[in-house]
Amino acid sequence: MKNRSTCPVSSLLDIIGDKWSLLIIRDLFIGRDTYSEFLKAPERISTNILVDRLKKLTDAGLIEFTRNSDDKKIKVYSLTSKGIDLYPTMVEMALWSRKHLKMDFHPLAVDMFKDIDAIGVEQHIKNVIQ
């Protein structure tokens, strides 16, 4: 993939800079890993966008898939090491939201915030990505 800019932020945004790509990555971190599970996420991604983003993220080397051993038609997606390296960025985005957005957060986010408050951001990140 050729970058259209020499700006590192712009180049990253070309890969993950849309809502859906980031939500697929988030879903993989929280345990959703199949096409049907992505469709069940509360944000309600459309099928054509999901197919497009899964291909884009696979082509960029952020995710990969294997076939389900019981049903070869089912692809099971996972983050590559390149995708896992996005976790600190995702955590910082969540912390920004906690600080600046007045809202009720999903129970998984609340649990993550409690963990971060108890052990710190760096230790939380180490615990998750190891």
N, C-alpha and C. Protein backbone atom coordinates (compact mmCIF):
# COMPACT_ATOMS: atom_id res chain seq x y z
N MET A 1 0.85 -1.19 0.00
CA MET A 1 0.00 0.00 0.00
C MET A 1 0.88 1.24 0.00
N LYS A 2 0.67 2.11 -0.95
CA LYS A 2 1.45 3.34 -1.05
C LYS A 2 0.76 4.43 -0.24
N ASN A 3 1.55 5.10 0.58
CA ASN A 3 1.01 6.21 1.38
C ASN A 3 0.85 7.43 0.50
N ARG A 4 -0.24 8.14 0.69
CA ARG A 4 -0.47 9.34 -0.11
C ARG A 4 0.11 10.58 0.55
N SER A 5 0.67 10.40 1.76
CA SER A 5 1.24 11.51 2.51
C SER A 5 2.46 11.03 3.27
N THR A 6 3.35 11.95 3.59
CA THR A 6 4.49 11.61 4.44
C THR A 6 4.18 11.85 5.92
N CYS A 7 2.99 12.32 6.20
CA CYS A 7 2.57 12.56 7.59
C CYS A 7 2.19 11.21 8.23
N PRO A 8 2.81 10.85 9.37
CA PRO A 8 2.49 9.56 9.98
C PRO A 8 1.04 9.45 10.45
N VAL A 9 0.45 10.54 10.90
CA VAL A 9 -0.95 10.50 11.34
C VAL A 9 -1.86 10.28 10.13
N SER A 10 -1.62 11.01 9.08
CA SER A 10 -2.42 10.85 7.86
C SER A 10 -2.30 9.43 7.31
N SER A 11 -1.10 8.89 7.32
CA SER A 11 -0.89 7.54 6.80
C SER A 11 -1.63 6.49 7.62
N LEU A 12 -1.62 6.64 8.95
CA LEU A 12 -2.38 5.72 9.79
C LEU A 12 -3.87 5.88 9.56
N LEU A 13 -4.33 7.11 9.44
CA LEU A 13 -5.75 7.35 9.20
C LEU A 13 -6.22 6.78 7.87
N ASP A 14 -5.34 6.70 6.89
CA ASP A 14 -5.70 6.07 5.62
C ASP A 14 -6.07 4.60 5.83
N ILE A 15 -5.51 3.98 6.87
CA ILE A 15 -5.78 2.57 7.14
C ILE A 15 -6.93 2.39 8.12
N ILE A 16 -6.91 3.11 9.23
CA ILE A 16 -7.89 2.87 10.30
C ILE A 16 -8.74 4.09 10.62
N GLY A 17 -8.72 5.08 9.78
CA GLY A 17 -9.34 6.36 10.10
C GLY A 17 -10.83 6.46 9.89
N ASP A 18 -11.48 5.35 9.72
CA ASP A 18 -12.93 5.42 9.64
C ASP A 18 -13.51 4.68 10.84
N LYS A 19 -14.70 5.04 11.20
CA LYS A 19 -15.36 4.48 12.38
C LYS A 19 -15.37 2.95 12.36
N TRP A 20 -15.69 2.37 11.23
CA TRP A 20 -15.91 0.93 11.17
C TRP A 20 -14.64 0.14 11.37
N SER A 21 -13.55 0.59 10.79
CA SER A 21 -12.28 -0.14 10.96
C SER A 21 -11.88 -0.18 12.43
N LEU A 22 -11.99 0.94 13.11
CA LEU A 22 -11.64 0.98 14.53
C LEU A 22 -12.57 0.11 15.36
N LEU A 23 -13.84 0.07 15.01
CA LEU A 23 -14.77 -0.75 15.77
C LEU A 23 -14.53 -2.24 15.54
N ILE A 24 -14.13 -2.62 14.35
CA ILE A 24 -13.76 -4.03 14.11
C ILE A 24 -12.54 -4.39 14.95
N ILE A 25 -11.56 -3.51 14.98
CA ILE A 25 -10.37 -3.75 15.81
C ILE A 25 -10.77 -3.84 17.28
N ARG A 26 -11.62 -2.93 17.73
CA ARG A 26 -12.12 -3.00 19.11
C ARG A 26 -12.81 -4.33 19.38
N ASP A 27 -13.67 -4.74 18.45
CA ASP A 27 -14.39 -6.00 18.62
C ASP A 27 -13.43 -7.17 18.77
N LEU A 28 -12.36 -7.17 18.00
CA LEU A 28 -11.39 -8.26 18.11
C LEU A 28 -10.72 -8.25 19.49
N PHE A 29 -10.46 -7.08 20.03
CA PHE A 29 -9.88 -7.01 21.38
C PHE A 29 -10.84 -7.53 22.45
N ILE A 30 -12.15 -7.39 22.22
CA ILE A 30 -13.10 -7.83 23.26
C ILE A 30 -13.67 -9.22 22.99
N GLY A 31 -13.17 -9.89 21.95
CA GLY A 31 -13.55 -11.29 21.76
C GLY A 31 -14.49 -11.61 20.63
N ARG A 32 -15.00 -10.61 19.93
CA ARG A 32 -15.79 -10.91 18.73
C ARG A 32 -14.80 -11.27 17.63
N ASP A 33 -15.07 -12.34 16.90
CA ASP A 33 -14.07 -12.74 15.91
C ASP A 33 -14.63 -13.36 14.63
N THR A 34 -15.93 -13.30 14.45
CA THR A 34 -16.51 -13.82 13.20
C THR A 34 -17.39 -12.74 12.56
N TYR A 35 -17.62 -12.93 11.28
CA TYR A 35 -18.47 -12.02 10.51
C TYR A 35 -19.81 -11.81 11.22
N SER A 36 -20.46 -12.89 11.62
CA SER A 36 -21.78 -12.77 12.24
C SER A 36 -21.70 -12.04 13.59
N GLU A 37 -20.62 -12.24 14.33
CA GLU A 37 -20.47 -11.52 15.60
C GLU A 37 -20.25 -10.02 15.37
N PHE A 38 -19.50 -9.67 14.32
CA PHE A 38 -19.31 -8.25 14.00
C PHE A 38 -20.66 -7.61 13.65
N LEU A 39 -21.49 -8.34 12.93
CA LEU A 39 -22.81 -7.81 12.55
C LEU A 39 -23.71 -7.59 13.76
N LYS A 40 -23.49 -8.33 14.84
CA LYS A 40 -24.32 -8.21 16.04
C LYS A 40 -23.88 -7.07 16.97
N ALA A 41 -22.77 -6.42 16.67
CA ALA A 41 -22.30 -5.30 17.51
C ALA A 41 -23.37 -4.21 17.54
N PRO A 42 -23.48 -3.50 18.63
CA PRO A 42 -24.57 -2.51 18.77
C PRO A 42 -24.54 -1.37 17.75
N GLU A 43 -23.40 -1.13 17.13
CA GLU A 43 -23.31 -0.02 16.16
C GLU A 43 -23.94 -0.34 14.81
N ARG A 44 -24.22 -1.61 14.55
CA ARG A 44 -24.97 -2.06 13.38
C ARG A 44 -24.32 -1.74 12.04
N ILE A 45 -23.16 -2.30 11.82
CA ILE A 45 -22.46 -2.13 10.55
C ILE A 45 -23.23 -2.86 9.44
N SER A 46 -23.26 -2.27 8.26
CA SER A 46 -23.93 -2.93 7.13
C SER A 46 -22.99 -3.99 6.55
N THR A 47 -23.59 -4.97 5.89
CA THR A 47 -22.81 -6.11 5.39
C THR A 47 -21.77 -5.68 4.35
N ASN A 48 -22.12 -4.77 3.45
CA ASN A 48 -21.16 -4.36 2.41
C ASN A 48 -19.98 -3.61 3.02
N ILE A 49 -20.23 -2.79 4.02
CA ILE A 49 -19.13 -2.07 4.67
C ILE A 49 -18.26 -3.05 5.46
N LEU A 50 -18.89 -4.00 6.14
CA LEU A 50 -18.12 -4.99 6.89
C LEU A 50 -17.18 -5.77 5.98
N VAL A 51 -17.68 -6.24 4.86
CA VAL A 51 -16.84 -6.98 3.92
C VAL A 51 -15.67 -6.12 3.46
N ASP A 52 -15.96 -4.88 3.12
CA ASP A 52 -14.92 -3.96 2.65
C ASP A 52 -13.86 -3.73 3.72
N ARG A 53 -14.28 -3.47 4.95
CA ARG A 53 -13.32 -3.17 6.02
C ARG A 53 -12.50 -4.39 6.42
N LEU A 54 -13.12 -5.57 6.43
CA LEU A 54 -12.36 -6.78 6.74
C LEU A 54 -11.26 -7.00 5.70
N LYS A 55 -11.60 -6.77 4.44
CA LYS A 55 -10.59 -6.91 3.38
C LYS A 55 -9.50 -5.86 3.54
N LYS A 56 -9.88 -4.64 3.80
CA LYS A 56 -8.92 -3.54 3.95
C LYS A 56 -7.96 -3.81 5.11
N LEU A 57 -8.51 -4.24 6.25
CA LEU A 57 -7.67 -4.51 7.42
C LEU A 57 -6.79 -5.73 7.22
N THR A 58 -7.29 -6.71 6.49
CA THR A 58 -6.47 -7.89 6.16
C THR A 58 -5.34 -7.49 5.22
N ASP A 59 -5.67 -6.74 4.18
CA ASP A 59 -4.66 -6.29 3.21
C ASP A 59 -3.58 -5.43 3.88
N ALA A 60 -3.97 -4.67 4.90
CA ALA A 60 -3.02 -3.80 5.61
C ALA A 60 -2.18 -4.59 6.63
N GLY A 61 -2.52 -5.85 6.83
CA GLY A 61 -1.76 -6.68 7.74
C GLY A 61 -2.11 -6.49 9.21
N LEU A 62 -3.28 -5.90 9.49
CA LEU A 62 -3.70 -5.69 10.87
C LEU A 62 -4.50 -6.86 11.42
N ILE A 63 -5.18 -7.56 10.53
CA ILE A 63 -5.94 -8.74 10.94
C ILE A 63 -5.66 -9.88 9.97
N GLU A 64 -5.99 -11.07 10.42
CA GLU A 64 -5.87 -12.25 9.58
C GLU A 64 -7.03 -13.17 9.93
N PHE A 65 -7.19 -14.23 9.18
CA PHE A 65 -8.25 -15.17 9.51
C PHE A 65 -7.79 -16.59 9.28
N THR A 66 -8.46 -17.47 9.99
CA THR A 66 -8.33 -18.92 9.78
C THR A 66 -9.75 -19.43 9.55
N ARG A 67 -9.85 -20.65 9.10
CA ARG A 67 -11.16 -21.26 8.92
C ARG A 67 -11.54 -22.02 10.17
N ASN A 68 -12.80 -21.93 10.54
CA ASN A 68 -13.32 -22.67 11.67
C ASN A 68 -13.16 -24.17 11.39
N SER A 69 -12.62 -24.90 12.36
CA SER A 69 -12.36 -26.32 12.14
C SER A 69 -13.64 -27.14 11.97
N ASP A 70 -14.74 -26.68 12.56
CA ASP A 70 -16.01 -27.40 12.43
C ASP A 70 -16.80 -27.02 11.19
N ASP A 71 -16.62 -25.79 10.73
CA ASP A 71 -17.35 -25.31 9.55
C ASP A 71 -16.41 -24.44 8.74
N LYS A 72 -15.84 -24.98 7.71
CA LYS A 72 -14.82 -24.30 6.90
C LYS A 72 -15.34 -23.03 6.22
N LYS A 73 -16.65 -22.84 6.16
CA LYS A 73 -17.20 -21.62 5.56
C LYS A 73 -17.02 -20.41 6.49
N ILE A 74 -16.82 -20.67 7.78
CA ILE A 74 -16.71 -19.60 8.76
C ILE A 74 -15.26 -19.17 8.91
N LYS A 75 -15.01 -17.88 8.71
CA LYS A 75 -13.69 -17.30 8.95
C LYS A 75 -13.63 -16.80 10.39
N VAL A 76 -12.55 -17.13 11.06
CA VAL A 76 -12.32 -16.65 12.41
C VAL A 76 -11.18 -15.64 12.32
N TYR A 77 -11.50 -14.40 12.64
CA TYR A 77 -10.53 -13.31 12.51
C TYR A 77 -9.75 -13.12 13.81
N SER A 78 -8.52 -12.63 13.65
CA SER A 78 -7.69 -12.30 14.80
C SER A 78 -6.77 -11.14 14.43
N LEU A 79 -6.29 -10.48 15.44
CA LEU A 79 -5.35 -9.39 15.23
C LEU A 79 -3.96 -9.97 14.99
N THR A 80 -3.23 -9.37 14.09
CA THR A 80 -1.82 -9.71 13.92
C THR A 80 -1.04 -8.92 14.97
N SER A 81 0.25 -9.13 15.06
CA SER A 81 1.05 -8.35 16.01
C SER A 81 0.97 -6.85 15.67
N LYS A 82 0.87 -6.55 14.41
CA LYS A 82 0.70 -5.16 13.96
C LYS A 82 -0.63 -4.59 14.47
N GLY A 83 -1.67 -5.38 14.44
CA GLY A 83 -2.97 -4.95 14.95
C GLY A 83 -2.96 -4.83 16.47
N ILE A 84 -2.33 -5.78 17.14
CA ILE A 84 -2.24 -5.74 18.60
C ILE A 84 -1.53 -4.48 19.07
N ASP A 85 -0.57 -4.02 18.29
CA ASP A 85 0.17 -2.81 18.65
C ASP A 85 -0.71 -1.56 18.67
N LEU A 86 -1.93 -1.66 18.17
CA LEU A 86 -2.87 -0.53 18.24
C LEU A 86 -3.55 -0.42 19.61
N TYR A 87 -3.41 -1.43 20.47
CA TYR A 87 -4.12 -1.41 21.75
C TYR A 87 -3.82 -0.17 22.58
N PRO A 88 -2.56 0.24 22.74
CA PRO A 88 -2.31 1.47 23.53
C PRO A 88 -3.05 2.68 22.96
N THR A 89 -3.12 2.78 21.65
CA THR A 89 -3.84 3.88 21.02
C THR A 89 -5.33 3.81 21.35
N MET A 90 -5.89 2.61 21.30
CA MET A 90 -7.31 2.43 21.61
C MET A 90 -7.59 2.78 23.08
N VAL A 91 -6.68 2.39 23.96
CA VAL A 91 -6.84 2.73 25.38
C VAL A 91 -6.81 4.23 25.57
N GLU A 92 -5.88 4.91 24.94
CA GLU A 92 -5.79 6.37 25.07
C GLU A 92 -7.05 7.05 24.54
N MET A 93 -7.62 6.52 23.47
CA MET A 93 -8.87 7.07 22.95
C MET A 93 -10.00 6.88 23.96
N ALA A 94 -10.04 5.71 24.58
CA ALA A 94 -11.07 5.45 25.60
C ALA A 94 -10.89 6.38 26.80
N LEU A 95 -9.63 6.59 27.21
CA LEU A 95 -9.38 7.49 28.35
C LEU A 95 -9.76 8.93 28.02
N TRP A 96 -9.51 9.34 26.78
CA TRP A 96 -9.92 10.67 26.35
C TRP A 96 -11.45 10.79 26.45
N SER A 97 -12.15 9.77 26.00
CA SER A 97 -13.62 9.77 26.06
C SER A 97 -14.10 9.85 27.50
N ARG A 98 -13.46 9.09 28.38
CA ARG A 98 -13.87 9.13 29.80
C ARG A 98 -13.69 10.54 30.37
N LYS A 99 -12.61 11.19 29.98
CA LYS A 99 -12.33 12.53 30.50
C LYS A 99 -13.25 13.60 29.91
N HIS A 100 -13.58 13.50 28.64
CA HIS A 100 -14.24 14.61 27.96
C HIS A 100 -15.70 14.38 27.56
N LEU A 101 -16.16 13.15 27.57
CA LEU A 101 -17.53 12.88 27.17
C LEU A 101 -18.34 12.49 28.39
N LYS A 102 -19.41 13.18 28.60
CA LYS A 102 -20.28 12.87 29.73
C LYS A 102 -21.33 11.88 29.28
N MET A 103 -21.10 10.61 29.62
CA MET A 103 -22.00 9.56 29.16
C MET A 103 -21.83 8.34 30.04
N ASP A 104 -22.76 7.43 29.92
CA ASP A 104 -22.62 6.13 30.57
C ASP A 104 -21.84 5.23 29.63
N PHE A 105 -20.85 4.55 30.17
CA PHE A 105 -20.00 3.69 29.34
C PHE A 105 -20.41 2.23 29.44
N HIS A 106 -20.11 1.50 28.41
CA HIS A 106 -20.36 0.06 28.35
C HIS A 106 -19.66 -0.61 29.53
N PRO A 107 -20.24 -1.67 30.09
CA PRO A 107 -19.62 -2.35 31.23
C PRO A 107 -18.18 -2.81 30.97
N LEU A 108 -17.86 -3.21 29.75
CA LEU A 108 -16.48 -3.60 29.47
C LEU A 108 -15.53 -2.41 29.59
N ALA A 109 -15.98 -1.23 29.16
CA ALA A 109 -15.15 -0.03 29.30
C ALA A 109 -15.00 0.33 30.77
N VAL A 110 -16.08 0.21 31.53
CA VAL A 110 -16.03 0.51 32.96
C VAL A 110 -15.02 -0.41 33.64
N ASP A 111 -15.04 -1.69 33.30
CA ASP A 111 -14.07 -2.64 33.86
C ASP A 111 -12.65 -2.26 33.49
N MET A 112 -12.44 -1.86 32.25
CA MET A 112 -11.11 -1.45 31.82
C MET A 112 -10.64 -0.22 32.61
N PHE A 113 -11.55 0.75 32.79
CA PHE A 113 -11.18 1.96 33.54
C PHE A 113 -10.83 1.62 34.99
N LYS A 114 -11.58 0.70 35.59
CA LYS A 114 -11.28 0.28 36.97
C LYS A 114 -9.91 -0.37 37.04
N ASP A 115 -9.60 -1.21 36.06
CA ASP A 115 -8.30 -1.86 36.02
C ASP A 115 -7.19 -0.82 35.87
N ILE A 116 -7.38 0.12 34.97
CA ILE A 116 -6.38 1.17 34.75
C ILE A 116 -6.21 2.00 36.01
N ASP A 117 -7.30 2.35 36.67
CA ASP A 117 -7.22 3.14 37.90
C ASP A 117 -6.47 2.38 38.99
N ALA A 118 -6.62 1.07 39.01
CA ALA A 118 -5.99 0.26 40.06
C ALA A 118 -4.50 0.01 39.80
N ILE A 119 -4.15 -0.26 38.54
CA ILE A 119 -2.76 -0.67 38.26
C ILE A 119 -2.00 0.26 37.32
N GLY A 120 -2.69 1.22 36.72
CA GLY A 120 -2.04 2.15 35.80
C GLY A 120 -2.17 1.70 34.35
N VAL A 121 -2.05 2.67 33.48
CA VAL A 121 -2.22 2.42 32.04
C VAL A 121 -1.17 1.46 31.52
N GLU A 122 0.09 1.71 31.84
CA GLU A 122 1.16 0.88 31.29
C GLU A 122 1.01 -0.58 31.69
N GLN A 123 0.71 -0.85 32.96
CA GLN A 123 0.56 -2.23 33.40
C GLN A 123 -0.67 -2.88 32.78
N HIS A 124 -1.76 -2.11 32.67
CA HIS A 124 -2.96 -2.64 32.01
C HIS A 124 -2.63 -3.07 30.59
N ILE A 125 -1.97 -2.22 29.85
CA ILE A 125 -1.61 -2.53 28.46
C ILE A 125 -0.72 -3.77 28.40
N LYS A 126 0.27 -3.84 29.27
CA LYS A 126 1.14 -5.02 29.31
C LYS A 126 0.34 -6.29 29.58
N ASN A 127 -0.58 -6.21 30.52
CA ASN A 127 -1.39 -7.38 30.87
C ASN A 127 -2.24 -7.86 29.70
N VAL A 128 -2.78 -6.92 28.93
CA VAL A 128 -3.69 -7.28 27.83
C VAL A 128 -2.94 -7.81 26.62
N ILE A 129 -1.83 -7.19 26.26
CA ILE A 129 -1.19 -7.58 25.00
C ILE A 129 -0.16 -8.69 25.16
N GLN A 130 0.06 -9.15 26.36
CA GLN A 130 1.01 -10.27 26.53
C GLN A 130 0.33 -11.59 26.38
